[in-house]
Protein backbone atom coordinates (compact mmCIF):
# COMPACT_ATOMS: atom_id res chain seq x y z
CA MET A 1 0.12 -0.10 0.29
CA ILE A 2 1.08 3.83 -0.48
CA TYR A 3 0.45 6.23 2.08
CA ALA A 4 1.95 9.82 2.53
CA ALA A 5 2.31 12.29 4.81
CA LEU A 6 1.32 15.90 3.38
CA GLY A 7 0.35 19.26 3.97
CA VAL A 8 -1.57 21.77 2.54
CA ALA A 9 -2.94 25.41 3.22
CA ALA A 10 -7.21 25.18 3.12
CA ALA A 11 -7.66 27.71 1.08
CA ALA A 12 -5.28 25.91 -1.84
CA VAL A 13 -7.51 24.89 -4.99
CA SER A 14 -4.18 23.42 -6.51
CA LEU A 15 -2.33 20.07 -5.22
CA ALA A 16 1.71 20.72 -4.64
CA PHE A 17 3.82 18.91 -3.55
CA THR A 18 7.30 20.27 -2.00
CA GLU A 19 8.54 18.75 1.29
CA SER A 20 11.88 16.89 0.14
CA LEU A 21 11.79 13.34 2.12
CA LEU A 22 9.60 10.49 0.65
CA SER A 23 9.70 6.93 2.33
CA LEU A 24 7.93 3.88 1.53
CA ARG A 25 5.06 3.43 4.37
CA HIS A 26 7.53 4.18 7.35
CA ASP A 27 10.38 5.98 8.27
CA PHE A 28 8.57 9.27 8.43
CA GLN A 29 10.51 11.60 10.29
CA ARG A 30 8.97 15.11 12.72
CA LEU A 31 8.74 17.82 10.38
CA PRO A 32 7.13 21.27 10.65
CA LEU A 33 3.98 21.46 9.03
CA ILE A 34 3.99 23.55 5.79
CA PRO A 35 1.53 25.27 3.20
CA ALA A 36 2.03 22.66 0.76
CA TRP A 37 1.53 18.76 0.47
CA THR A 38 5.02 17.00 1.67
CA ARG A 39 5.64 13.43 1.83
CA PRO A 40 4.28 11.02 -0.01
CA ALA A 41 5.34 6.88 0.78
CA ILE A 42 3.79 3.87 -0.78
CA GLY A 43 3.17 0.55 -1.05
CA GLY A 44 0.76 -2.15 -2.18
CA LEU A 45 -2.52 -1.49 -3.66
CA VAL A 46 -3.65 2.19 -2.15
CA THR A 47 -2.26 5.44 -2.30
CA GLY A 48 -2.63 8.09 0.53
CA LEU A 49 -2.27 11.71 1.17
CA LEU A 50 -2.42 13.70 4.09
CA ALA A 51 -3.67 17.00 4.19
CA THR A 52 -4.21 19.36 7.10
CA ALA A 53 -8.29 19.21 5.66
CA ALA A 54 -8.26 15.26 5.58
CA LEU A 55 -6.52 12.08 4.16
CA TYR A 56 -6.89 11.36 0.73
CA CYS A 57 -6.40 7.30 -0.80
CA TRP A 58 -6.64 5.70 -4.04
CA GLY A 59 -6.89 2.17 -5.02
CA VAL A 60 -8.50 -0.38 -2.49
CA PHE A 61 -7.98 0.45 1.22
CA PRO A 62 -9.66 -1.34 4.41
CA ASN A 63 -10.32 1.31 7.00
CA PRO A 64 -13.03 2.28 5.91
CA PRO A 65 -13.68 -0.43 2.94
CA ASN A 66 -13.67 1.46 -0.18
CA HIS A 67 -11.95 1.29 -3.93
CA THR A 68 -11.46 4.54 -5.97
CA LEU A 69 -9.85 4.97 -8.85
CA THR A 70 -8.91 8.52 -7.96
CA PRO A 71 -8.12 10.40 -4.35
CA THR A 72 -10.92 10.29 -2.32
CA ILE A 73 -10.96 11.58 1.25
CA GLU A 74 -10.51 8.89 3.96
CA VAL A 75 -10.68 10.45 7.12
CA PRO A 76 -11.89 14.16 6.64
CA GLY A 77 -11.93 17.03 9.27
CA LEU A 78 -9.13 19.51 9.97
CA GLN A 79 -5.95 17.10 11.76
CA ALA A 80 -3.26 17.94 13.61
CA TRP A 81 -1.07 15.41 12.28
CA VAL A 82 1.92 15.94 10.97
CA ARG A 83 3.59 12.95 9.45
CA LEU A 84 1.39 9.57 8.33
CA ALA A 85 3.05 6.09 8.21
CA GLN A 86 0.85 3.24 6.37
CA GLY A 87 1.57 -0.84 6.87
CA MET A 88 -0.81 -4.39 6.19
CA GLY A 89 -4.32 -2.82 6.39
CA PHE A 90 -3.61 0.00 9.24
CA GLU A 91 -2.34 3.30 9.87
CA CYS A 92 -0.55 5.51 12.19
CA ALA A 93 0.31 9.31 12.37
CA PHE A 94 1.79 11.49 14.95
CA ASP A 95 1.44 15.50 15.58
CA ILE A 96 4.06 18.06 16.24
CA SER A 97 4.25 17.13 19.87
CA GLY A 98 4.65 13.58 18.77
CA THR A 99 1.59 12.60 20.01
CA ALA A 100 1.00 8.82 18.05
CA GLU A 101 -2.48 7.65 16.80
CA CYS A 102 -3.29 4.53 14.74
CA TRP A 103 -6.10 3.19 13.37
CA GLY A 104 -7.15 -0.52 10.99
CA SER A 105 -6.59 -3.79 11.61
CA ASN A 106 -5.34 -4.63 15.39
CA THR A 107 -4.38 -8.73 14.82
CA PHE A 108 -1.26 -8.72 16.57
CA GLY A 109 -1.60 -5.30 18.49
CA GLN A 110 -0.29 -3.24 15.67
CA LEU A 111 -2.16 -0.32 17.05
CA GLY A 112 -0.31 0.11 19.93
CA ASN A 113 -3.22 0.93 21.77
CA GLY A 114 -3.36 -2.14 24.39
CA ASN A 115 -6.58 -3.34 23.44
CA PRO A 116 -6.71 -6.38 20.70
CA VAL A 117 -9.95 -4.98 19.24
CA ALA A 118 -9.62 -3.42 15.61
CA ALA A 119 -10.74 0.18 15.09
CA ALA A 120 -11.51 1.58 11.72
CA LEU A 121 -11.98 5.33 12.96
CA PRO A 122 -11.72 7.48 15.07
CA PRO A 123 -7.95 6.83 15.51
CA GLN A 124 -6.66 5.35 18.50
CA ASN A 125 -3.93 6.57 20.87
CA VAL A 126 -0.84 4.99 20.92
CA ASN A 127 -0.31 4.07 24.80
CA GLY A 128 3.19 5.48 24.68
CA PRO A 129 6.01 8.35 24.58
CA ALA A 130 6.49 11.06 22.35
CA PHE A 131 8.22 10.09 19.15
CA THR A 132 9.75 11.84 16.72
CA SER A 133 9.44 9.50 14.08
CA ILE A 134 7.69 6.49 13.32
CA ALA A 135 7.81 3.39 10.97
CA ILE A 136 5.67 0.80 10.08
CA GLY A 137 6.15 -2.89 8.33
CA ASN A 138 3.63 -5.33 7.44
CA ALA A 139 2.08 -5.56 10.94
CA HIS A 140 4.10 -3.55 13.25
CA ALA A 141 5.48 0.09 14.02
CA CYS A 142 8.54 1.46 15.86
CA GLY A 143 9.12 4.93 16.92
CA ILE A 144 12.45 7.30 18.07
CA THR A 145 11.88 9.46 21.09
CA SER A 146 13.72 12.27 21.49
CA ASP A 147 16.52 11.32 23.15
CA GLY A 148 17.13 8.38 20.82
CA THR A 149 15.33 5.18 22.81
CA ALA A 150 13.83 3.22 19.88
CA TYR A 151 10.06 1.37 20.04
CA CYS A 152 8.32 -1.24 18.40
CA TRP A 153 4.85 -2.77 18.80
CA GLY A 154 2.44 -5.17 17.38
CA TRP A 155 3.43 -8.64 15.13
CA ASN A 156 6.87 -10.62 16.47
CA GLY A 157 6.70 -13.43 15.08
CA HIS A 158 9.79 -13.00 13.53
CA GLY A 159 11.82 -10.77 16.32
CA GLN A 160 11.20 -7.93 14.26
CA LEU A 161 10.47 -5.74 17.77
CA GLY A 162 13.71 -6.08 18.81
CA ASP A 163 12.43 -6.96 22.80
CA GLY A 164 14.67 -10.12 22.87
CA THR A 165 11.21 -12.49 22.17
CA THR A 166 8.51 -13.58 19.71
CA THR A 167 6.07 -12.46 21.71
CA ASN A 168 3.40 -9.92 20.24
CA ARG A 169 3.08 -6.47 21.57
CA SER A 170 -0.04 -4.77 21.68
CA THR A 171 1.88 -1.42 23.45
CA PRO A 172 5.25 0.04 22.67
CA THR A 173 8.26 -1.74 24.48
CA ALA A 174 11.44 -1.07 24.29
CA VAL A 175 13.98 -2.14 21.86
CA LEU A 176 16.94 -3.74 23.49
CA GLY A 177 20.68 -3.18 23.78
CA GLY A 178 20.72 0.48 25.03
CA LEU A 179 21.42 2.16 21.34
CA ARG A 180 20.49 5.52 20.99
CA PHE A 181 18.99 5.63 17.34
CA LYS A 182 18.79 9.09 15.12
CA SER A 183 16.27 7.21 12.32
CA ILE A 184 14.33 4.03 11.85
CA ALA A 185 13.11 1.69 9.51
CA ALA A 186 10.28 -1.66 9.28
CA ALA A 187 9.70 -3.72 6.70
CA ALA A 188 7.29 -7.07 6.63
CA PHE A 189 9.75 -9.53 8.61
CA HIS A 190 12.64 -7.29 9.87
CA SER A 191 13.59 -3.86 11.42
CA CYS A 192 16.74 -1.49 10.88
CA GLY A 193 17.77 1.51 12.60
CA LEU A 194 20.85 4.14 12.13
CA THR A 195 22.43 4.97 15.73
CA LEU A 196 23.67 8.80 16.66
CA ALA A 197 26.94 7.85 15.21
CA GLY A 198 25.58 6.04 12.16
CA ASP A 199 26.07 2.84 12.82
CA ALA A 200 23.14 0.70 11.26
CA TYR A 201 21.97 -2.16 13.28
CA CYS A 202 19.15 -4.92 12.00
CA TRP A 203 17.10 -7.49 14.04
CA GLY A 204 14.33 -10.00 12.75
CA ASP A 205 13.82 -12.43 10.11
CA ASN A 206 17.03 -13.23 7.99
CA GLU A 207 16.60 -15.97 5.87
CA ALA A 208 16.76 -13.51 2.55
CA ALA A 209 20.24 -12.18 4.51
CA GLN A 210 18.00 -8.55 4.87
CA LEU A 211 19.87 -7.74 8.50
CA GLY A 212 23.17 -7.34 6.72
CA SER A 213 25.01 -10.03 8.65
CA LEU A 214 25.49 -14.05 9.19
CA THR A 215 22.88 -15.32 11.83
CA GLY A 216 23.70 -18.89 11.24
CA PRO A 217 24.48 -21.22 8.24
CA LEU A 218 24.46 -20.71 5.07
CA ASP A 219 21.35 -22.36 4.28
CA ASP A 220 19.88 -21.45 7.01
CA PRO A 221 20.24 -18.06 8.47
CA ARG A 222 18.38 -17.18 11.66
CA ALA A 223 15.98 -14.47 12.70
CA ILE A 224 17.82 -12.88 15.91
CA THR A 225 15.46 -10.81 18.47
CA THR A 226 17.85 -7.85 19.46
CA PRO A 227 19.77 -5.37 17.13
CA LYS A 228 22.68 -6.93 15.59
CA ALA A 229 25.40 -4.48 14.08
CA VAL A 230 25.33 -4.41 10.05
CA SER A 231 28.59 -6.19 8.69
CA GLY A 232 31.00 -4.17 6.93
CA GLY A 233 31.50 -1.05 9.07
CA LEU A 234 30.05 1.46 7.35
CA VAL A 235 28.94 4.66 8.44
CA PHE A 236 24.98 5.77 7.10
CA ALA A 237 23.62 8.87 6.92
CA SER A 238 20.22 6.93 6.07
CA ILE A 239 18.73 3.71 6.03
CA ALA A 240 15.56 1.75 4.11
CA THR A 241 13.86 -1.37 4.25
CA GLY A 242 11.98 -3.48 1.91
CA GLY A 243 10.59 -6.84 1.59
CA SER A 244 14.07 -9.15 1.20
CA ALA A 245 16.66 -6.52 1.05
CA SER A 246 17.68 -3.32 3.21
CA CYS A 247 20.06 -0.56 1.86
CA GLY A 248 22.09 2.51 3.24
CA LEU A 249 23.20 5.77 1.86
CA THR A 250 26.90 7.08 3.45
CA THR A 251 27.26 10.96 3.66
CA GLY A 252 29.16 11.00 0.56
CA GLY A 253 26.02 9.53 -1.66
CA ALA A 254 26.92 5.89 -2.27
CA ALA A 255 24.84 3.82 -2.08
CA TYR A 256 25.21 0.16 -0.44
CA CYS A 257 22.24 -2.49 -0.20
CA TRP A 258 22.54 -6.34 1.10
CA GLY A 259 19.77 -9.24 1.43
CA SER A 260 18.54 -11.08 -1.59
CA ALA A 261 19.47 -9.73 -5.46
CA PHE A 262 17.37 -12.79 -6.72
CA PHE A 263 15.34 -9.76 -8.54
CA GLY A 264 18.03 -7.57 -9.30
CA GLN A 265 16.69 -5.62 -6.39
CA LEU A 266 20.27 -4.84 -4.90
CA GLY A 267 21.94 -3.23 -7.99
CA ASN A 268 24.83 -4.69 -7.90
CA GLY A 269 24.60 -6.12 -11.53
CA THR A 270 23.31 -9.58 -10.08
CA SER A 271 20.22 -11.36 -10.00
CA GLY A 272 18.45 -14.87 -10.90
CA THR A 273 21.03 -17.53 -9.00
CA GLY A 274 23.54 -15.68 -8.62
CA PRO A 275 27.35 -15.70 -8.94
CA PRO A 276 29.17 -19.01 -8.51
CA GLY A 277 29.93 -19.54 -4.65
CA ASN A 278 27.01 -17.56 -3.93
CA THR A 279 23.69 -19.05 -6.17
CA ASN A 280 21.28 -18.51 -3.80
CA ASN A 281 22.42 -14.95 -4.49
CA LEU A 282 22.22 -13.92 -0.82
CA TRP A 283 25.00 -10.92 0.24
CA PHE A 284 24.98 -10.86 4.03
CA ALA A 285 27.28 -7.56 3.96
CA PRO A 286 26.56 -4.26 1.96
CA VAL A 287 27.05 -4.59 -1.66
CA ALA A 288 28.38 -1.26 -3.89
CA VAL A 289 25.00 0.06 -5.80
CA SER A 290 26.92 -0.74 -9.23
CA GLY A 291 27.42 2.93 -11.22
CA GLY A 292 28.98 5.45 -8.51
CA LEU A 293 26.04 7.40 -9.39
CA VAL A 294 25.84 9.96 -5.77
CA PHE A 295 22.73 9.23 -4.56
CA SER A 296 20.64 11.80 -2.52
CA GLN A 297 17.58 9.43 -1.43
CA ILE A 298 16.58 5.54 -1.92
CA SER A 299 13.48 3.46 -1.31
CA ILE A 300 12.97 -0.29 -1.38
CA GLY A 301 10.13 -1.31 -2.40
CA ASP A 302 9.05 -5.42 -2.44
CA GLN A 303 11.28 -6.29 -5.16
CA HIS A 304 12.63 -2.98 -6.83
CA THR A 305 14.56 -0.39 -4.80
CA CYS A 306 14.51 3.57 -6.54
CA GLY A 307 16.70 6.48 -5.99
CA LEU A 308 17.23 10.47 -6.77
CA ILE A 309 20.50 11.65 -7.67
CA ALA A 310 21.84 15.23 -7.30
CA ASP A 311 20.07 16.37 -10.06
CA ALA A 312 16.86 15.33 -9.30
CA LYS A 313 17.07 12.59 -12.11
CA ALA A 314 15.60 9.23 -10.91
CA TYR A 315 16.83 5.40 -11.37
CA CYS A 316 15.54 2.58 -10.60
CA TRP A 317 16.18 -0.90 -10.51
CA GLY A 318 15.01 -4.83 -9.58
CA THR A 319 11.68 -6.23 -11.28
CA ASN A 320 10.22 -4.35 -14.06
CA ASN A 321 7.12 -6.81 -15.09
CA LEU A 322 4.61 -4.16 -14.20
CA GLY A 323 6.36 -0.88 -15.45
CA GLN A 324 7.74 -0.10 -12.07
CA LEU A 325 10.85 0.65 -13.06
CA GLY A 326 9.06 3.91 -15.18
CA ASN A 327 11.47 3.40 -17.95
CA GLY A 328 9.06 3.41 -20.41
CA THR A 329 9.33 -0.54 -20.98
CA THR A 330 8.54 -3.92 -18.84
CA VAL A 331 11.46 -6.02 -21.17
CA PRO A 332 13.35 -7.00 -19.99
CA SER A 333 11.92 -7.89 -16.50
CA VAL A 334 14.24 -7.10 -13.97
CA LEU A 335 17.37 -4.86 -14.35
CA SER A 336 20.07 -5.66 -11.86
CA THR A 337 21.83 -1.63 -12.38
CA PRO A 338 20.10 1.30 -11.82
CA SER A 339 18.03 2.68 -14.58
CA PRO A 340 17.02 5.94 -15.39
CA VAL A 341 13.00 7.36 -14.67
CA SER A 342 11.77 8.07 -18.10
CA ALA A 343 10.50 11.35 -17.63
CA LEU A 344 11.12 15.17 -18.67
CA PHE A 345 11.04 16.43 -15.44
CA GLY A 346 13.13 15.85 -11.88
CA PHE A 347 12.19 14.68 -8.89
CA THR A 348 12.16 15.87 -5.34
CA GLN A 349 11.06 12.53 -3.66
CA ILE A 350 10.77 8.78 -4.89
CA SER A 351 9.03 6.16 -3.48
CA ALA A 352 9.02 2.29 -3.97
CA GLY A 353 6.17 0.19 -3.13
CA VAL A 354 5.32 -3.48 -4.19
CA GLY A 355 4.42 -3.41 -7.27
CA HIS A 356 4.40 0.44 -8.29
CA THR A 357 6.11 3.80 -7.84
CA CYS A 358 5.12 7.35 -7.05
CA GLY A 359 7.70 10.58 -6.64
CA ILE A 360 6.95 14.30 -6.54
CA ALA A 361 8.37 16.16 -9.67
CA THR A 362 10.13 19.09 -9.24
CA GLY A 363 7.23 21.88 -10.09
CA GLY A 364 5.40 19.95 -7.28
CA SER A 365 3.12 17.18 -9.34
CA LEU A 366 2.67 13.42 -7.83
CA TYR A 367 3.51 10.94 -10.45
CA CYS A 368 3.35 7.05 -10.03
CA TRP A 369 3.62 4.40 -12.37
CA GLY A 370 3.65 0.56 -12.57
CA SER A 371 1.02 -1.61 -11.39
CA ASN A 372 -2.45 -0.30 -11.38
CA SER A 373 -4.72 -3.55 -11.12
CA ALA A 374 -6.33 -1.48 -8.19
CA GLY A 375 -6.01 1.94 -9.06
CA GLU A 376 -2.97 2.54 -7.00
CA LEU A 377 -1.74 5.09 -9.56
CA GLY A 378 -4.67 7.56 -9.17
CA ASP A 379 -5.17 8.33 -13.07
CA GLY A 380 -8.39 7.11 -13.18
CA THR A 381 -7.73 3.33 -14.76
CA THR A 382 -6.51 0.32 -14.09
CA THR A 383 -4.03 0.44 -16.54
CA ASN A 384 -0.22 -0.38 -15.45
CA ARG A 385 1.88 2.31 -16.45
CA SER A 386 5.51 2.01 -17.41
CA LEU A 387 6.18 5.68 -17.68
CA PRO A 388 5.71 8.15 -15.10
CA THR A 389 1.69 9.34 -14.96
CA LEU A 390 0.12 12.32 -13.21
CA VAL A 391 -2.26 11.37 -10.29
CA THR A 392 -5.83 12.84 -11.05
CA PHE A 393 -7.26 15.00 -8.31
CA PRO A 394 -10.76 15.90 -8.20
């Protein structure tokens, strides 16, 4: 699913996106509310935008159940939220004070309110501290407080909450290890964070080497329930997580990824069964993304990855069977090195989802491309698009 946190002046009649950070349905940093759309994020079969006046969604979204091919208001009324993050059937948002609210599916306690009952609307207060950022995976969420303490809640079947157990939690529970984080990211079955010094740690499922370290035999990597340092000793400025991979950007903009390269999503020139000696194509330590590009942002979807470079050009790599790489074709269906997105304009934001991608153009408009089976591109159709397509607002 794709959701985005945006702010727009109440009197605005056109929709323009200006804020400088886009993320995959998680890793939302708290920033001042400004009179413009801000921060889209992306996932599977639904797209959403949070404005000061309402939360807009399109595609298939469950809270409340709806299916629409163009943006439609999900949560009406003036909201104090400054950021929104979205998981699989649930959402969380927080305001400038750090107070978090969640709504939707609550099977594993992912609403964080201590009550196992699902809640469509109104949003429920998370029973925890004030957060400066929130990250959401499929059925768990994590947040960071002002002193860098990390908390997670929800589904913990793979240890993705980092509390040393595999017990689900219905309220925020501290991540063990005494580390202080400046950013955090969450995916389906694992979580990662950057310490104040820029060291990367990950925890949870490691079946696809997405933790960036060896946690058992090569043919049977094990999940771990507390943070473990990513191999290689690199210092990162930002970190991102996806279905079976993780990536980090150094302070100089060099991109490194780790995990499964089966679909080329690591960008290191390998895909499929992998090279000799690594036929599973699992990389338990960061490998450099090919091409020597200097990135300002990176985002990982389910089987593809996208990034922006300094001149606002967008590049994507990985699975392209639905046009999610945005290069005007679906052939070949896998690209294992960065491929430029075909657009006559640059982007200030980009976010990769399960089968589609969205970006904010330098002029402020929102474009999406890739899978559109549920209307998640927001262009009023269910036709897949292999080129950036303008989202149609009412």
